[in-house]
């Protein structure tokens, strides 16, 4: 696994700040951020995802809250060619 740093929460203190890396071999994002509070987790469970899929959060997973200003660091796939619609 070869990680590449993408970004950190702007004007961050020295520790405990949201950070994003990308795994160069798989393209996976590695995200350090704040755990969502219980109210947020309950709301996510109420909304659900796809029919029949459990809304329980397994022990090996967690729900995080990624600040909106961190979205700038998430890589977007490059679109090449195709129909521009014009």
Protein backbone atom coordinates (compact mmCIF):
# COMPACT_ATOMS: atom_id res chain seq x y z
CA UNK A 1 0.00 0.00 0.00
CA UNK A 2 1.46 3.33 -1.09
CA UNK A 3 -0.43 6.27 0.39
CA UNK A 4 -0.35 9.79 -1.02
CA UNK A 5 -1.43 12.74 1.12
CA UNK A 6 -4.30 14.71 -0.46
CA UNK A 7 -5.24 17.32 2.13
CA UNK A 8 -5.91 18.36 5.70
CA UNK A 9 -8.64 20.51 7.25
CA UNK A 10 -7.69 24.15 6.60
CA UNK A 11 -6.22 26.17 9.47
CA UNK A 12 -5.97 23.02 11.54
CA UNK A 13 -4.38 22.76 14.97
CA UNK A 14 -1.44 20.39 15.42
CA UNK A 15 -3.43 17.20 16.03
CA UNK A 16 -6.79 15.48 15.59
CA UNK A 17 -7.78 17.08 12.31
CA UNK A 18 -9.60 15.61 9.31
CA UNK A 19 -7.08 14.34 6.75
CA UNK A 20 -7.42 12.50 3.43
CA UNK A 21 -4.97 10.17 1.67
CA UNK A 22 -5.36 7.99 -1.44
CA UNK A 23 -4.02 4.44 -1.76
CA UNK A 24 -2.09 4.68 -5.02
CA UNK A 25 -2.43 0.95 -5.74
CA UNK A 26 -6.21 0.63 -5.30
CA UNK A 27 -7.55 4.19 -5.54
CA UNK A 28 -9.19 3.79 -2.11
CA UNK A 29 -9.56 6.93 -0.01
CA UNK A 30 -8.23 6.79 3.54
CA UNK A 31 -10.08 9.35 5.65
CA UNK A 32 -9.43 10.52 9.19
CA UNK A 33 -12.32 12.62 10.44
CA UNK A 34 -14.70 13.19 13.31
CA UNK A 35 -16.97 10.33 14.32
CA UNK A 36 -20.59 11.18 13.70
CA UNK A 37 -22.59 11.72 16.88
CA UNK A 38 -25.32 9.26 17.87
CA UNK A 39 -28.10 11.50 16.51
CA UNK A 40 -26.44 11.55 13.07
CA UNK A 41 -25.94 7.76 13.11
CA UNK A 42 -29.62 7.28 14.04
CA UNK A 43 -30.71 9.59 11.22
CA UNK A 44 -28.55 7.68 8.73
CA UNK A 45 -30.10 4.42 9.95
CA UNK A 46 -33.61 5.86 9.57
CA UNK A 47 -32.91 6.99 6.00
CA UNK A 48 -31.25 3.68 5.15
CA UNK A 49 -29.61 2.87 1.84
CA UNK A 50 -30.99 0.08 -0.35
CA UNK A 51 -34.01 -2.11 0.43
CA UNK A 52 -33.12 -5.14 2.49
CA UNK A 53 -29.67 -3.85 3.51
CA UNK A 54 -29.01 -3.67 7.24
CA UNK A 55 -28.65 -0.22 8.76
CA UNK A 56 -26.52 -1.56 11.62
CA UNK A 57 -22.92 -0.33 11.65
CA UNK A 58 -20.61 -3.35 12.00
CA UNK A 59 -17.87 -3.28 14.63
CA UNK A 60 -15.19 -2.97 11.93
CA UNK A 61 -16.85 0.18 10.47
CA UNK A 62 -17.80 3.60 11.76
CA UNK A 63 -19.77 6.60 10.53
CA UNK A 64 -17.66 9.72 10.06
CA UNK A 65 -18.63 13.32 9.40
CA UNK A 66 -16.48 14.82 6.66
CA UNK A 67 -16.56 18.63 6.68
CA UNK A 68 -17.81 20.12 3.40
CA UNK A 69 -14.57 22.05 2.87
CA UNK A 70 -12.71 18.71 2.71
CA UNK A 71 -14.53 17.73 -0.50
CA UNK A 72 -12.00 19.79 -2.45
CA UNK A 73 -9.38 17.14 -1.70
CA UNK A 74 -11.35 14.17 -3.03
CA UNK A 75 -10.05 13.21 -6.49
CA UNK A 76 -12.54 13.24 -9.35
CA UNK A 77 -12.24 10.86 -12.28
CA UNK A 78 -11.02 12.57 -15.42
CA UNK A 79 -13.50 12.48 -18.26
CA UNK A 80 -12.02 12.20 -21.71
CA UNK A 81 -13.74 12.25 -25.08
CA UNK A 82 -17.41 11.40 -25.18
CA UNK A 83 -20.33 13.46 -26.28
CA UNK A 84 -20.47 16.98 -24.90
CA UNK A 85 -24.12 17.27 -25.91
CA UNK A 86 -23.51 20.07 -28.38
